[in-house]
C-alpha cells in the first residue's frame, strides 16, 4: 500500500514524454497530491527540473516543458509546514544588503524546500527585486547579521574578504557563570582543526549567574563559539548540542552583532552594528 503523501515524505521522478500537460498536472497525477498542493510545494522549492546538464528549482506551474525534461518532487509535509519569523533589512547598498537573520531561519536550503532560508526571503521581499546569493552562514539556531550579494561580481568580492580574513565579524553571547574580567583567548581545536576565539566580558548578572560576552573569531569553524565557550566552562545559554540546555530553556543566545569590512563598490570602510533591541540581553532573560 503506497504511503499517504500528505503524511509521509515522498519522492517522484518523471521523464517528460509529452508536453500537453504542465508540470503541476503531471506531478499531481503521479503523486496523488492535488494541483494546489503541488503549486504550494513548487513555491516553497520542493520541485526541481532537469534539462540537459542543469537541474534547478521549478516554481512556475505553467513553465513550458520539453520532451526529455525530468521533473523531481520532494514532498515532506512537515518540512513544508515549517514557519519562521521574518528577517529584517538593516542596510541596502544595491548590489549587496545586510539583514538580521532570526532564530531557525536557514542559510541553506535542501532538496525538500528553501522557503525558510534567508536568501529566499530576501529574493521575495527586497524592493526592487534582485537575485540573492549567500556569502557566509550562520547556524540555524544563531541569530544576527548576514550579508547577501545581489550581483556575482560583488558577491565574489565580499566572499574574498571573508576567505582572506579581511572582514571582521563579532558576536555577543550569553553564557552561564561569571565570566573572567580579562579577555580569554581559546585555542581548542574544532573537528581536529585549529581554531581561535577571543572572548571579553561585557556584563555580568549575579541574580541570573550569567554573563554577556563579546566574541571575535579568527577562524570560522562550525559551531566554533559554542564549542569554545563550553570548553572553558561557560556554555552558551540555550545550547542544546554543546551546552547543557534543557527543554523550556531560552533559544540559543548567540548573535552576530557587528560587521566591519571594505565596501566593494566605493572601497570605503563599512561598520554595521545590530540594533540593540535585536542583541542578546541579560535583562530580557529576566522577563
C-alpha atoms as a PDB file:
ATOM      1  CA  UNK A   1       0.000   0.000   0.000  1.00  0.00           C
ATOM      2  CA  UNK A   2       1.551   3.367  -1.031  1.00  0.00           C
ATOM      3  CA  UNK A   3       2.338   5.930   1.630  1.00  0.00           C
ATOM      4  CA  UNK A   4      -0.083   8.794   2.082  1.00  0.00           C
ATOM      5  CA  UNK A   5       1.901  11.764   0.607  1.00  0.00           C
ATOM      6  CA  UNK A   6       0.112  14.167   2.937  1.00  0.00           C
ATOM      7  CA  UNK A   7       1.543  12.371   5.984  1.00  0.00           C
ATOM      8  CA  UNK A   8       4.930  10.985   4.873  1.00  0.00           C
ATOM      9  CA  UNK A   9       7.868  12.269   2.815  1.00  0.00           C
ATOM     10  CA  UNK A  10       7.699  11.046  -0.764  1.00  0.00           C
ATOM     11  CA  UNK A  11       9.782  11.489  -3.901  1.00  0.00           C
ATOM     12  CA  UNK A  12       8.643  11.308  -7.506  1.00  0.00           C
ATOM     13  CA  UNK A  13      10.881  11.480 -10.571  1.00  0.00           C
ATOM     14  CA  UNK A  14       9.288  11.764 -14.005  1.00  0.00           C
ATOM     15  CA  UNK A  15      10.700  11.912 -17.502  1.00  0.00           C
ATOM     16  CA  UNK A  16       8.588  14.166 -19.711  1.00  0.00           C
ATOM     17  CA  UNK A  17       7.338  12.240 -22.726  1.00  0.00           C
ATOM     18  CA  UNK A  18       4.574  14.592 -23.815  1.00  0.00           C
ATOM     19  CA  UNK A  19       4.067  18.334 -23.454  1.00  0.00           C
ATOM     20  CA  UNK A  20       0.265  18.574 -23.478  1.00  0.00           C
ATOM     21  CA  UNK A  21       0.202  18.781 -19.674  1.00  0.00           C
ATOM     22  CA  UNK A  22       2.153  21.152 -17.465  1.00  0.00           C
ATOM     23  CA  UNK A  23       4.450  20.134 -14.618  1.00  0.00           C
ATOM     24  CA  UNK A  24       1.774  20.652 -12.000  1.00  0.00           C
ATOM     25  CA  UNK A  25      -0.653  18.291 -13.740  1.00  0.00           C
ATOM     26  CA  UNK A  26       1.986  15.621 -14.377  1.00  0.00           C
ATOM     27  CA  UNK A  27       3.206  15.628 -10.778  1.00  0.00           C
ATOM     28  CA  UNK A  28      -0.321  15.624  -9.374  1.00  0.00           C
ATOM     29  CA  UNK A  29      -1.193  12.557 -11.445  1.00  0.00           C
ATOM     30  CA  UNK A  30       1.986  10.754 -10.389  1.00  0.00           C
ATOM     31  CA  UNK A  31       1.845  11.580  -6.690  1.00  0.00           C
ATOM     32  CA  UNK A  32      -1.840  11.609  -5.825  1.00  0.00           C
ATOM     33  CA  UNK A  33      -1.494  15.131  -4.447  1.00  0.00           C
ATOM     34  CA  UNK A  34      -3.830  17.896  -5.550  1.00  0.00           C
ATOM     35  CA  UNK A  35      -2.669  20.520  -8.042  1.00  0.00           C
ATOM     36  CA  UNK A  36      -2.935  23.123  -5.283  1.00  0.00           C
ATOM     37  CA  UNK A  37      -0.610  21.082  -3.069  1.00  0.00           C
ATOM     38  CA  UNK A  38       1.851  20.760  -5.946  1.00  0.00           C
ATOM     39  CA  UNK A  39       1.737  24.518  -6.583  1.00  0.00           C
ATOM     40  CA  UNK A  40       2.411  25.217  -2.911  1.00  0.00           C
ATOM     41  CA  UNK A  41       5.316  22.750  -2.952  1.00  0.00           C
ATOM     42  CA  UNK A  42       6.691  24.496  -6.055  1.00  0.00           C
ATOM     43  CA  UNK A  43       6.513  27.897  -4.377  1.00  0.00           C
ATOM     44  CA  UNK A  44       8.418  26.517  -1.388  1.00  0.00           C
ATOM     45  CA  UNK A  45      11.186  24.982  -3.501  1.00  0.00           C
ATOM     46  CA  UNK A  46      10.291  21.282  -3.393  1.00  0.00           C
ATOM     47  CA  UNK A  47      10.046  20.761  -7.171  1.00  0.00           C
ATOM     48  CA  UNK A  48      13.067  20.559  -9.473  1.00  0.00           C
ATOM     49  CA  UNK A  49      13.534  20.473 -13.251  1.00  0.00           C
ATOM     50  CA  UNK A  50      16.436  18.763 -15.003  1.00  0.00           C
ATOM     51  CA  UNK A  51      17.052  19.944 -18.555  1.00  0.00           C
ATOM     52  CA  UNK A  52      20.207  18.640 -20.172  1.00  0.00           C
ATOM     53  CA  UNK A  53      23.090  19.058 -17.722  1.00  0.00           C
ATOM     54  CA  UNK A  54      21.300  21.545 -15.480  1.00  0.00           C
ATOM     55  CA  UNK A  55      18.969  20.965 -12.536  1.00  0.00           C
ATOM     56  CA  UNK A  56      17.237  23.857 -10.787  1.00  0.00           C
ATOM     57  CA  UNK A  57      14.142  24.536  -8.734  1.00  0.00           C
ATOM     58  CA  UNK A  58      10.930  24.859 -10.705  1.00  0.00           C
ATOM     59  CA  UNK A  59       8.497  27.413  -9.293  1.00  0.00           C
ATOM     60  CA  UNK A  60       6.195  28.185 -12.228  1.00  0.00           C
ATOM     61  CA  UNK A  61       3.479  25.598 -12.775  1.00  0.00           C
ATOM     62  CA  UNK A  62       2.968  26.787 -16.355  1.00  0.00           C
ATOM     63  CA  UNK A  63       6.615  26.756 -17.417  1.00  0.00           C
ATOM     64  CA  UNK A  64       6.799  25.143 -20.885  1.00  0.00           C
ATOM     65  CA  UNK A  65       8.275  21.668 -20.794  1.00  0.00           C
ATOM     66  CA  UNK A  66      10.361  19.861 -23.395  1.00  0.00           C
ATOM     67  CA  UNK A  67      10.459  16.185 -24.293  1.00  0.00           C
ATOM     68  CA  UNK A  68      13.233  14.600 -22.247  1.00  0.00           C
ATOM     69  CA  UNK A  69      12.967  17.008 -19.303  1.00  0.00           C
ATOM     70  CA  UNK A  70      12.928  15.384 -15.880  1.00  0.00           C
ATOM     71  CA  UNK A  71      10.710  16.521 -13.023  1.00  0.00           C
ATOM     72  CA  UNK A  72      11.585  15.838  -9.394  1.00  0.00           C
ATOM     73  CA  UNK A  73       9.190  16.236  -6.482  1.00  0.00           C
ATOM     74  CA  UNK A  74      10.471  16.075  -2.888  1.00  0.00           C
ATOM     75  CA  UNK A  75       7.353  16.312  -0.762  1.00  0.00           C
ATOM     76  CA  UNK A  76       7.720  16.373   3.004  1.00  0.00           C
ATOM     77  CA  UNK A  77       4.636  17.830   4.698  1.00  0.00           C
ATOM     78  CA  UNK A  78       6.473  18.530   7.951  1.00  0.00           C
ATOM     79  CA  UNK A  79       9.193  20.495   6.161  1.00  0.00           C
ATOM     80  CA  UNK A  80       6.725  22.416   4.007  1.00  0.00           C
ATOM     81  CA  UNK A  81       4.691  23.350   7.085  1.00  0.00           C
ATOM     82  CA  UNK A  82       7.668  24.952   8.839  1.00  0.00           C
ATOM     83  CA  UNK A  83       7.461  28.681   9.507  1.00  0.00           C
ATOM     84  CA  UNK A  84       9.993  31.201  10.784  1.00  0.00           C
ATOM     85  CA  UNK A  85       9.932  34.848  11.803  1.00  0.00           C
ATOM     86  CA  UNK A  86      10.658  37.458   9.140  1.00  0.00           C
ATOM     87  CA  UNK A  87      14.194  38.620   8.502  1.00  0.00           C
ATOM     88  CA  UNK A  88      14.816  42.360   8.917  1.00  0.00           C
ATOM     89  CA  UNK A  89      16.631  44.612   6.465  1.00  0.00           C
ATOM     90  CA  UNK A  90      19.479  46.522   8.129  1.00  0.00           C
ATOM     91  CA  UNK A  91      21.276  48.079   5.117  1.00  0.00           C
ATOM     92  CA  UNK A  92      20.661  48.071   1.350  1.00  0.00           C
ATOM     93  CA  UNK A  93      23.587  49.023  -0.893  1.00  0.00           C
ATOM     94  CA  UNK A  94      22.020  47.924  -4.168  1.00  0.00           C
ATOM     95  CA  UNK A  95      24.495  45.201  -5.106  1.00  0.00           C
ATOM     96  CA  UNK A  96      24.509  43.779  -1.591  1.00  0.00           C
ATOM     97  CA  UNK A  97      22.384  44.094   1.518  1.00  0.00           C
ATOM     98  CA  UNK A  98      22.703  43.256   5.203  1.00  0.00           C
ATOM     99  CA  UNK A  99      19.948  41.512   7.140  1.00  0.00           C
ATOM    100  CA  UNK A 100      19.058  40.305  10.593  1.00  0.00           C
ATOM    101  CA  UNK A 101      18.520  36.536  10.460  1.00  0.00           C
ATOM    102  CA  UNK A 102      16.071  35.353  13.120  1.00  0.00           C
ATOM    103  CA  UNK A 103      16.196  32.107  15.071  1.00  0.00           C
ATOM    104  CA  UNK A 104      15.507  28.949  12.989  1.00  0.00           C
ATOM    105  CA  UNK A 105      15.883  30.681   9.613  1.00  0.00           C
ATOM    106  CA  UNK A 106      18.339  28.722   7.467  1.00  0.00           C
ATOM    107  CA  UNK A 107      21.229  29.935   5.335  1.00  0.00           C
ATOM    108  CA  UNK A 108      20.988  26.953   3.014  1.00  0.00           C
ATOM    109  CA  UNK A 109      18.007  25.085   1.618  1.00  0.00           C
ATOM    110  CA  UNK A 110      17.689  21.401   0.806  1.00  0.00           C
ATOM    111  CA  UNK A 111      16.085  19.406  -1.971  1.00  0.00           C
ATOM    112  CA  UNK A 112      12.920  19.388   0.183  1.00  0.00           C
ATOM    113  CA  UNK A 113      12.474  23.188   0.331  1.00  0.00           C
ATOM    114  CA  UNK A 114      14.087  26.609   0.592  1.00  0.00           C
ATOM    115  CA  UNK A 115      11.132  28.639   1.894  1.00  0.00           C
ATOM    116  CA  UNK A 116      12.661  29.120   5.364  1.00  0.00           C
ATOM    117  CA  UNK A 117      16.057  30.325   4.063  1.00  0.00           C
ATOM    118  CA  UNK A 118      17.399  33.865   4.332  1.00  0.00           C
ATOM    119  CA  UNK A 119      18.238  34.162   0.619  1.00  0.00           C
ATOM    120  CA  UNK A 120      14.756  33.061  -0.468  1.00  0.00           C
ATOM    121  CA  UNK A 121      13.235  35.540   1.977  1.00  0.00           C
ATOM    122  CA  UNK A 122      15.402  38.297   0.513  1.00  0.00           C
ATOM    123  CA  UNK A 123      14.547  37.324  -3.070  1.00  0.00           C
ATOM    124  CA  UNK A 124      10.839  37.620  -2.348  1.00  0.00           C
ATOM    125  CA  UNK A 125      10.824  40.677  -0.057  1.00  0.00           C
ATOM    126  CA  UNK A 126      13.520  43.077  -1.251  1.00  0.00           C
ATOM    127  CA  UNK A 127      12.452  46.056  -3.397  1.00  0.00           C
ATOM    128  CA  UNK A 128      13.438  46.312  -6.173  1.00  0.00           C
ATOM    129  CA  UNK A 129      13.557  42.526  -6.537  1.00  0.00           C
ATOM    130  CA  UNK A 130      17.036  41.079  -7.061  1.00  0.00           C
ATOM    131  CA  UNK A 131      18.775  37.706  -7.003  1.00  0.00           C
ATOM    132  CA  UNK A 132      20.150  36.802  -3.566  1.00  0.00           C
ATOM    133  CA  UNK A 133      23.474  34.998  -3.126  1.00  0.00           C
ATOM    134  CA  UNK A 134      24.707  33.581   0.182  1.00  0.00           C
ATOM    135  CA  UNK A 135      28.192  34.851   1.095  1.00  0.00           C
ATOM    136  CA  UNK A 136      28.555  33.424   4.612  1.00  0.00           C
ATOM    137  CA  UNK A 137      26.428  31.411   7.007  1.00  0.00           C
ATOM    138  CA  UNK A 138      25.032  31.438  10.495  1.00  0.00           C
ATOM    139  CA  UNK A 139      23.854  28.320  12.295  1.00  0.00           C
ATOM    140  CA  UNK A 140      20.117  27.687  12.241  1.00  0.00           C
ATOM    141  CA  UNK A 141      19.912  28.418  15.983  1.00  0.00           C
ATOM    142  CA  UNK A 142      22.111  31.547  15.829  1.00  0.00           C
ATOM    143  CA  UNK A 143      20.777  35.000  15.002  1.00  0.00           C
ATOM    144  CA  UNK A 144      22.268  38.198  13.678  1.00  0.00           C
ATOM    145  CA  UNK A 145      23.864  39.972  10.749  1.00  0.00           C
ATOM    146  CA  UNK A 146      24.128  38.259   7.374  1.00  0.00           C
ATOM    147  CA  UNK A 147      25.425  39.816   4.139  1.00  0.00           C
ATOM    148  CA  UNK A 148      23.566  38.884   0.947  1.00  0.00           C
ATOM    149  CA  UNK A 149      25.021  39.571  -2.507  1.00  0.00           C
ATOM    150  CA  UNK A 150      22.888  40.714  -5.438  1.00  0.00           C
ATOM    151  CA  UNK A 151      25.417  40.522  -8.276  1.00  0.00           C
ATOM    152  CA  UNK A 152      28.008  37.856  -8.990  1.00  0.00           C
ATOM    153  CA  UNK A 153      30.863  40.379  -9.056  1.00  0.00           C
ATOM    154  CA  UNK A 154      30.025  41.952  -5.700  1.00  0.00           C
ATOM    155  CA  UNK A 155      29.284  38.566  -4.139  1.00  0.00           C
ATOM    156  CA  UNK A 156      32.716  37.297  -5.229  1.00  0.00           C
ATOM    157  CA  UNK A 157      34.438  40.429  -3.867  1.00  0.00           C
ATOM    158  CA  UNK A 158      32.772  40.074  -0.461  1.00  0.00           C
ATOM    159  CA  UNK A 159      33.422  36.334  -0.370  1.00  0.00           C
ATOM    160  CA  UNK A 160      37.120  37.051  -0.950  1.00  0.00           C
ATOM    161  CA  UNK A 161      37.161  39.350   2.086  1.00  0.00           C
ATOM    162  CA  UNK A 162      35.722  36.522   4.179  1.00  0.00           C
ATOM    163  CA  UNK A 163      38.200  33.984   2.840  1.00  0.00           C
ATOM    164  CA  UNK A 164      41.181  36.280   3.424  1.00  0.00           C
ATOM    165  CA  UNK A 165      40.009  37.315   6.917  1.00  0.00           C
ATOM    166  CA  UNK A 166      39.677  40.946   5.830  1.00  0.00           C
ATOM    167  CA  UNK A 167      36.162  41.144   7.229  1.00  0.00           C
ATOM    168  CA  UNK A 168      35.774  41.495  10.987  1.00  0.00           C
ATOM    169  CA  UNK A 169      32.696  39.805  12.431  1.00  0.00           C
ATOM    170  CA  UNK A 170      31.996  39.916  16.165  1.00  0.00           C
ATOM    171  CA  UNK A 171      29.336  38.192  18.213  1.00  0.00           C
ATOM    172  CA  UNK A 172      27.637  38.591  21.541  1.00  0.00           C
ATOM    173  CA  UNK A 173      26.622  35.574  23.583  1.00  0.00           C
ATOM    174  CA  UNK A 174      25.074  34.985  26.957  1.00  0.00           C
ATOM    175  CA  UNK A 175      26.892  32.261  28.882  1.00  0.00           C
ATOM    176  CA  UNK A 176      26.307  30.556  32.197  1.00  0.00           C
ATOM    177  CA  UNK A 177      28.524  31.657  35.082  1.00  0.00           C
ATOM    178  CA  UNK A 178      30.671  34.659  35.989  1.00  0.00           C
ATOM    179  CA  UNK A 179      32.993  35.155  33.022  1.00  0.00           C
ATOM    180  CA  UNK A 180      36.531  36.414  33.847  1.00  0.00           C
ATOM    181  CA  UNK A 181      37.138  40.152  33.541  1.00  0.00           C
ATOM    182  CA  UNK A 182      40.266  39.649  31.448  1.00  0.00           C
ATOM    183  CA  UNK A 183      39.935  38.723  27.758  1.00  0.00           C
ATOM    184  CA  UNK A 184      40.145  34.983  27.173  1.00  0.00           C
ATOM    185  CA  UNK A 185      41.827  33.517  24.088  1.00  0.00           C
ATOM    186  CA  UNK A 186      40.608  29.995  23.337  1.00  0.00           C
ATOM    187  CA  UNK A 187      42.584  27.715  21.012  1.00  0.00           C
ATOM    188  CA  UNK A 188      40.651  24.471  21.437  1.00  0.00           C
ATOM    189  CA  UNK A 189      40.584  22.548  18.162  1.00  0.00           C
ATOM    190  CA  UNK A 190      37.245  22.166  16.404  1.00  0.00           C
ATOM    191  CA  UNK A 191      36.758  18.902  14.482  1.00  0.00           C
ATOM    192  CA  UNK A 192      40.514  18.363  14.635  1.00  0.00           C
ATOM    193  CA  UNK A 193      41.262  21.736  13.046  1.00  0.00           C
ATOM    194  CA  UNK A 194      42.977  24.794  14.509  1.00  0.00           C
ATOM    195  CA  UNK A 195      40.529  27.394  15.838  1.00  0.00           C
ATOM    196  CA  UNK A 196      40.943  30.608  17.805  1.00  0.00           C
ATOM    197  CA  UNK A 197      38.425  32.859  19.563  1.00  0.00           C
ATOM    198  CA  UNK A 198      38.845  35.935  21.773  1.00  0.00           C
ATOM    199  CA  UNK A 199      36.126  36.486  24.374  1.00  0.00           C
ATOM    200  CA  UNK A 200      35.640  39.593  26.550  1.00  0.00           C
ATOM    201  CA  UNK A 201      33.165  40.250  29.367  1.00  0.00           C
ATOM    202  CA  UNK A 202      30.540  42.916  28.656  1.00  0.00           C
ATOM    203  CA  UNK A 203      28.296  42.489  31.717  1.00  0.00           C
ATOM    204  CA  UNK A 204      27.507  40.006  34.494  1.00  0.00           C
ATOM    205  CA  UNK A 205      24.174  39.432  36.258  1.00  0.00           C
ATOM    206  CA  UNK A 206      24.557  37.837  39.678  1.00  0.00           C
ATOM    207  CA  UNK A 207      20.862  37.051  40.023  1.00  0.00           C
ATOM    208  CA  UNK A 208      20.903  35.001  36.827  1.00  0.00           C
ATOM    209  CA  UNK A 209      24.549  33.957  37.272  1.00  0.00           C
ATOM    210  CA  UNK A 210      25.012  34.646  33.591  1.00  0.00           C
ATOM    211  CA  UNK A 211      27.436  36.811  31.608  1.00  0.00           C
ATOM    212  CA  UNK A 212      27.107  38.807  28.408  1.00  0.00           C
ATOM    213  CA  UNK A 213      30.291  38.202  26.416  1.00  0.00           C
ATOM    214  CA  UNK A 214      31.624  39.641  23.154  1.00  0.00           C
ATOM    215  CA  UNK A 215      33.489  37.195  20.938  1.00  0.00           C
ATOM    216  CA  UNK A 216      35.793  37.736  17.978  1.00  0.00           C
ATOM    217  CA  UNK A 217      36.793  34.688  15.969  1.00  0.00           C
ATOM    218  CA  UNK A 218      39.950  34.320  13.897  1.00  0.00           C
ATOM    219  CA  UNK A 219      38.714  31.130  12.262  1.00  0.00           C
ATOM    220  CA  UNK A 220      35.264  30.146  11.127  1.00  0.00           C
ATOM    221  CA  UNK A 221      34.819  26.547  12.197  1.00  0.00           C
ATOM    222  CA  UNK A 222      31.334  25.097  12.501  1.00  0.00           C
ATOM    223  CA  UNK A 223      29.862  25.805  15.971  1.00  0.00           C
ATOM    224  CA  UNK A 224      33.221  27.321  16.960  1.00  0.00           C
ATOM    225  CA  UNK A 225      31.915  29.787  19.545  1.00  0.00           C
ATOM    226  CA  UNK A 226      29.601  27.245  21.129  1.00  0.00           C
ATOM    227  CA  UNK A 227      32.369  24.648  21.379  1.00  0.00           C
ATOM    228  CA  UNK A 228      34.928  27.162  22.674  1.00  0.00           C
ATOM    229  CA  UNK A 229      32.648  28.614  25.340  1.00  0.00           C
ATOM    230  CA  UNK A 230      31.717  25.149  26.590  1.00  0.00           C
ATOM    231  CA  UNK A 231      35.389  24.063  26.555  1.00  0.00           C
ATOM    232  CA  UNK A 232      36.313  26.672  29.186  1.00  0.00           C
ATOM    233  CA  UNK A 233      33.282  26.026  31.380  1.00  0.00           C
ATOM    234  CA  UNK A 234      30.937  28.783  30.161  1.00  0.00           C
ATOM    235  CA  UNK A 235      28.359  27.129  27.882  1.00  0.00           C
ATOM    236  CA  UNK A 236      26.151  29.387  25.800  1.00  0.00           C
ATOM    237  CA  UNK A 237      22.638  29.682  27.206  1.00  0.00           C
ATOM    238  CA  UNK A 238      20.215  27.691  25.083  1.00  0.00           C
ATOM    239  CA  UNK A 239      22.884  25.476  23.535  1.00  0.00           C
ATOM    240  CA  UNK A 240      21.316  22.032  23.358  1.00  0.00           C
ATOM    241  CA  UNK A 241      24.150  20.498  21.361  1.00  0.00           C
ATOM    242  CA  UNK A 242      27.348  21.616  23.067  1.00  0.00           C
ATOM    243  CA  UNK A 243      25.981  23.032  26.323  1.00  0.00           C
ATOM    244  CA  UNK A 244      23.571  21.783  28.943  1.00  0.00           C
ATOM    245  CA  UNK A 245      20.321  23.433  27.826  1.00  0.00           C
ATOM    246  CA  UNK A 246      17.114  21.678  28.812  1.00  0.00           C
ATOM    247  CA  UNK A 247      13.595  21.706  27.437  1.00  0.00           C
ATOM    248  CA  UNK A 248      11.972  25.019  28.265  1.00  0.00           C
ATOM    249  CA  UNK A 249      15.253  26.969  28.243  1.00  0.00           C
ATOM    250  CA  UNK A 250      15.558  30.056  26.006  1.00  0.00           C
ATOM    251  CA  UNK A 251      16.648  29.789  22.390  1.00  0.00           C
ATOM    252  CA  UNK A 252      20.380  29.878  21.708  1.00  0.00           C
ATOM    253  CA  UNK A 253      21.771  33.201  22.975  1.00  0.00           C
ATOM    254  CA  UNK A 254      24.352  33.727  20.226  1.00  0.00           C
ATOM    255  CA  UNK A 255      24.089  36.675  17.844  1.00  0.00           C
ATOM    256  CA  UNK A 256      26.340  38.160  15.159  1.00  0.00           C
ATOM    257  CA  UNK A 257      26.182  41.821  16.210  1.00  0.00           C
ATOM    258  CA  UNK A 258      29.000  43.708  14.454  1.00  0.00           C
ATOM    259  CA  UNK A 259      30.478  43.739  10.943  1.00  0.00           C
ATOM    260  CA  UNK A 260      33.458  45.719   9.670  1.00  0.00           C
ATOM    261  CA  UNK A 261      34.585  45.395   6.062  1.00  0.00           C
ATOM    262  CA  UNK A 262      35.506  47.339   2.939  1.00  0.00           C
ATOM    263  CA  UNK A 263      32.612  48.202   0.650  1.00  0.00           C
ATOM    264  CA  UNK A 264      33.362  46.564  -2.723  1.00  0.00           C
ATOM    265  CA  UNK A 265      31.524  49.395  -4.502  1.00  0.00           C
ATOM    266  CA  UNK A 266      33.259  52.539  -3.199  1.00  0.00           C
ATOM    267  CA  UNK A 267      36.199  50.914  -1.313  1.00  0.00           C
ATOM    268  CA  UNK A 268      35.226  52.772   1.880  1.00  0.00           C
ATOM    269  CA  UNK A 269      35.166  51.132   5.344  1.00  0.00           C
ATOM    270  CA  UNK A 270      31.759  49.946   6.493  1.00  0.00           C
ATOM    271  CA  UNK A 271      30.742  49.410  10.117  1.00  0.00           C
ATOM    272  CA  UNK A 272      27.381  47.790  10.786  1.00  0.00           C
ATOM    273  CA  UNK A 273      26.001  47.306  14.271  1.00  0.00           C
ATOM    274  CA  UNK A 274      22.868  45.345  15.022  1.00  0.00           C
ATOM    275  CA  UNK A 275      20.185  47.471  16.735  1.00  0.00           C
ATOM    276  CA  UNK A 276      20.342  46.966  20.485  1.00  0.00           C
ATOM    277  CA  UNK A 277      16.798  45.592  20.576  1.00  0.00           C
ATOM    278  CA  UNK A 278      17.960  42.628  18.473  1.00  0.00           C
ATOM    279  CA  UNK A 279      21.085  41.879  20.521  1.00  0.00           C
ATOM    280  CA  UNK A 280      21.244  39.336  23.367  1.00  0.00           C
ATOM    281  CA  UNK A 281      20.158  40.910  26.645  1.00  0.00           C
ATOM    282  CA  UNK A 282      20.550  39.742  30.223  1.00  0.00           C
ATOM    283  CA  UNK A 283      17.546  41.811  31.278  1.00  0.00           C
ATOM    284  CA  UNK A 284      15.374  40.143  28.640  1.00  0.00           C
ATOM    285  CA  UNK A 285      16.045  36.739  30.205  1.00  0.00           C
ATOM    286  CA  UNK A 286      14.529  38.007  33.469  1.00  0.00           C
ATOM    287  CA  UNK A 287      11.247  38.925  31.820  1.00  0.00           C
END
